[in-house]
Each structure stands twice: as C-alpha cells, then as structure tokens.
Amino acid sequence: MKTNCESCSMPIESGPYCGYCVDSEGKLQPFEDRFAKMVDWQLKRNPKAGRAQAEKETLAFMAKLPAWKENAELRRRLSL
C-alpha cells in the first residue's frame, strides 16, 4: 500500500518517512535540516521566488504535515 511521507509528503511504500527525511539510523532528521533541504528544493522549482518567499511557502507546507505540525521551532517561525 502506498502512502505519503509524514515529513515531506513524497509517495512511499511503507513506514512514516521517506529515505530523504531520515538519517542513517532511520530516524527523522531534525527540523532545521529538513527545512533547509525543502527550501532548497522550492528554490530549484521556482528560482524567481527568492529565498524569503521559498521559506514562507515551505513553513506553510510543513505546518500541514504530521511530522511537523506540532514542532515548536516551526510554530515559532510561523509566529514571527
């Protein structure tokens, strides 16, 4: 059964997270690491948006995902 990664929403076969979102031990990478990589991905998709816009969009996207919706750092950044 296919499902989606709880950290980035990428389609996966099993487990809560995809291979991009976990460390070598299979644990979810820290918020800062995932956020930086997801912002970089946004910038590759839409380089004209600029870093500030990519960060804003990434925070909004991550806030909807199970792995991050209760994350204290994400909430702090959204409230700035």
C-alpha atoms as a PDB file:
ATOM      1  CA  MET A   1       0.000   0.000   0.000  1.00  0.00           C
ATOM      2  CA  LYS A   2       1.386   3.380  -0.974  1.00  0.00           C
ATOM      3  CA  THR A   3       1.299   6.225   1.473  1.00  0.00           C
ATOM      4  CA  ASN A   4       2.945   9.620   1.829  1.00  0.00           C
ATOM      5  CA  CYS A   5       5.955  10.612   3.906  1.00  0.00           C
ATOM      6  CA  GLU A   6       4.779  12.395   7.056  1.00  0.00           C
ATOM      7  CA  SER A   7       7.700  14.814   6.758  1.00  0.00           C
ATOM      8  CA  CYS A   8       7.641  15.899   3.088  1.00  0.00           C
ATOM      9  CA  SER A   9       4.561  14.164   1.564  1.00  0.00           C
ATOM     10  CA  MET A  10       6.603  12.247  -1.018  1.00  0.00           C
ATOM     11  CA  PRO A  11       4.891   8.968  -2.034  1.00  0.00           C
ATOM     12  CA  ILE A  12       6.443   5.976  -0.232  1.00  0.00           C
ATOM     13  CA  GLU A  13       5.799   2.251   0.007  1.00  0.00           C
ATOM     14  CA  SER A  14       5.929   1.845   3.786  1.00  0.00           C
ATOM     15  CA  GLY A  15       6.843   3.486   7.061  1.00  0.00           C
ATOM     16  CA  PRO A  16       6.175   7.033   8.168  1.00  0.00           C
ATOM     17  CA  TYR A  17       9.127   8.716   6.390  1.00  0.00           C
ATOM     18  CA  CYS A  18      10.909   8.569   3.034  1.00  0.00           C
ATOM     19  CA  GLY A  19      14.635   7.943   2.653  1.00  0.00           C
ATOM     20  CA  TYR A  20      15.302  11.652   2.156  1.00  0.00           C
ATOM     21  CA  CYS A  21      13.850  12.594   5.541  1.00  0.00           C
ATOM     22  CA  VAL A  22      15.657  10.104   7.764  1.00  0.00           C
ATOM     23  CA  ASP A  23      19.225   9.791   8.994  1.00  0.00           C
ATOM     24  CA  SER A  24      21.444   6.715   8.634  1.00  0.00           C
ATOM     25  CA  GLU A  25      19.656   5.104  11.598  1.00  0.00           C
ATOM     26  CA  GLY A  26      16.199   5.612  10.082  1.00  0.00           C
ATOM     27  CA  LYS A  27      15.243   8.434  12.465  1.00  0.00           C
ATOM     28  CA  LEU A  28      13.610  11.626  11.297  1.00  0.00           C
ATOM     29  CA  GLN A  29      16.179  14.336  10.625  1.00  0.00           C
ATOM     30  CA  PRO A  30      15.999  17.492  12.758  1.00  0.00           C
ATOM     31  CA  PHE A  31      13.618  20.242  11.706  1.00  0.00           C
ATOM     32  CA  GLU A  32      16.438  22.619  10.700  1.00  0.00           C
ATOM     33  CA  ASP A  33      17.960  20.060   8.333  1.00  0.00           C
ATOM     34  CA  ARG A  34      14.665  19.176   6.669  1.00  0.00           C
ATOM     35  CA  PHE A  35      13.609  22.821   6.445  1.00  0.00           C
ATOM     36  CA  ALA A  36      16.855  23.834   4.717  1.00  0.00           C
ATOM     37  CA  LYS A  37      16.619  20.979   2.220  1.00  0.00           C
ATOM     38  CA  MET A  38      12.970  21.661   1.486  1.00  0.00           C
ATOM     39  CA  VAL A  39      13.664  25.374   0.934  1.00  0.00           C
ATOM     40  CA  ASP A  40      16.460  24.468  -1.478  1.00  0.00           C
ATOM     41  CA  TRP A  41      14.043  22.188  -3.327  1.00  0.00           C
ATOM     42  CA  GLN A  42      11.492  25.025  -3.547  1.00  0.00           C
ATOM     43  CA  LEU A  43      14.158  27.345  -4.957  1.00  0.00           C
ATOM     44  CA  LYS A  44      15.070  24.790  -7.629  1.00  0.00           C
ATOM     45  CA  ARG A  45      11.413  24.513  -8.617  1.00  0.00           C
ATOM     46  CA  ASN A  46      10.883  28.277  -8.653  1.00  0.00           C
ATOM     47  CA  PRO A  47      14.174  30.216  -8.554  1.00  0.00           C
ATOM     48  CA  LYS A  48      12.473  33.543  -9.261  1.00  0.00           C
ATOM     49  CA  ALA A  49      10.539  33.387  -5.985  1.00  0.00           C
ATOM     50  CA  GLY A  50      13.586  34.226  -3.862  1.00  0.00           C
ATOM     51  CA  ARG A  51      14.684  32.751  -0.559  1.00  0.00           C
ATOM     52  CA  ALA A  52      12.241  34.662   1.669  1.00  0.00           C
ATOM     53  CA  GLN A  53       9.248  33.504  -0.377  1.00  0.00           C
ATOM     54  CA  ALA A  54      10.551  29.920  -0.537  1.00  0.00           C
ATOM     55  CA  GLU A  55      10.987  29.883   3.235  1.00  0.00           C
ATOM     56  CA  LYS A  56       7.482  31.240   3.787  1.00  0.00           C
ATOM     57  CA  GLU A  57       5.938  28.661   1.455  1.00  0.00           C
ATOM     58  CA  THR A  58       7.972  25.837   2.990  1.00  0.00           C
ATOM     59  CA  LEU A  59       6.897  26.766   6.527  1.00  0.00           C
ATOM     60  CA  ALA A  60       3.243  26.824   5.455  1.00  0.00           C
ATOM     61  CA  PHE A  61       3.631  23.451   3.733  1.00  0.00           C
ATOM     62  CA  MET A  62       5.435  21.832   6.660  1.00  0.00           C
ATOM     63  CA  ALA A  63       2.770  23.078   9.088  1.00  0.00           C
ATOM     64  CA  LYS A  64       0.267  20.769   7.358  1.00  0.00           C
ATOM     65  CA  LEU A  65       2.412  17.636   7.679  1.00  0.00           C
ATOM     66  CA  PRO A  66       2.075  15.205  10.616  1.00  0.00           C
ATOM     67  CA  ALA A  67       5.795  15.189  11.415  1.00  0.00           C
ATOM     68  CA  TRP A  68       5.982  18.959  11.863  1.00  0.00           C
ATOM     69  CA  LYS A  69       2.566  20.397  12.700  1.00  0.00           C
ATOM     70  CA  GLU A  70       3.327  20.358  16.450  1.00  0.00           C
ATOM     71  CA  ASN A  71       7.025  21.268  16.100  1.00  0.00           C
ATOM     72  CA  ALA A  72       7.995  24.150  18.419  1.00  0.00           C
ATOM     73  CA  GLU A  73      10.523  25.694  16.018  1.00  0.00           C
ATOM     74  CA  LEU A  74       8.050  25.636  13.144  1.00  0.00           C
ATOM     75  CA  ARG A  75       5.417  27.310  15.317  1.00  0.00           C
ATOM     76  CA  ARG A  76       7.929  29.927  16.451  1.00  0.00           C
ATOM     77  CA  ARG A  77       8.890  30.769  12.879  1.00  0.00           C
ATOM     78  CA  LEU A  78       5.288  30.975  11.765  1.00  0.00           C
ATOM     79  CA  SER A  79       4.533  33.475  14.516  1.00  0.00           C
ATOM     80  CA  LEU A  80       7.334  35.879  13.521  1.00  0.00           C
END
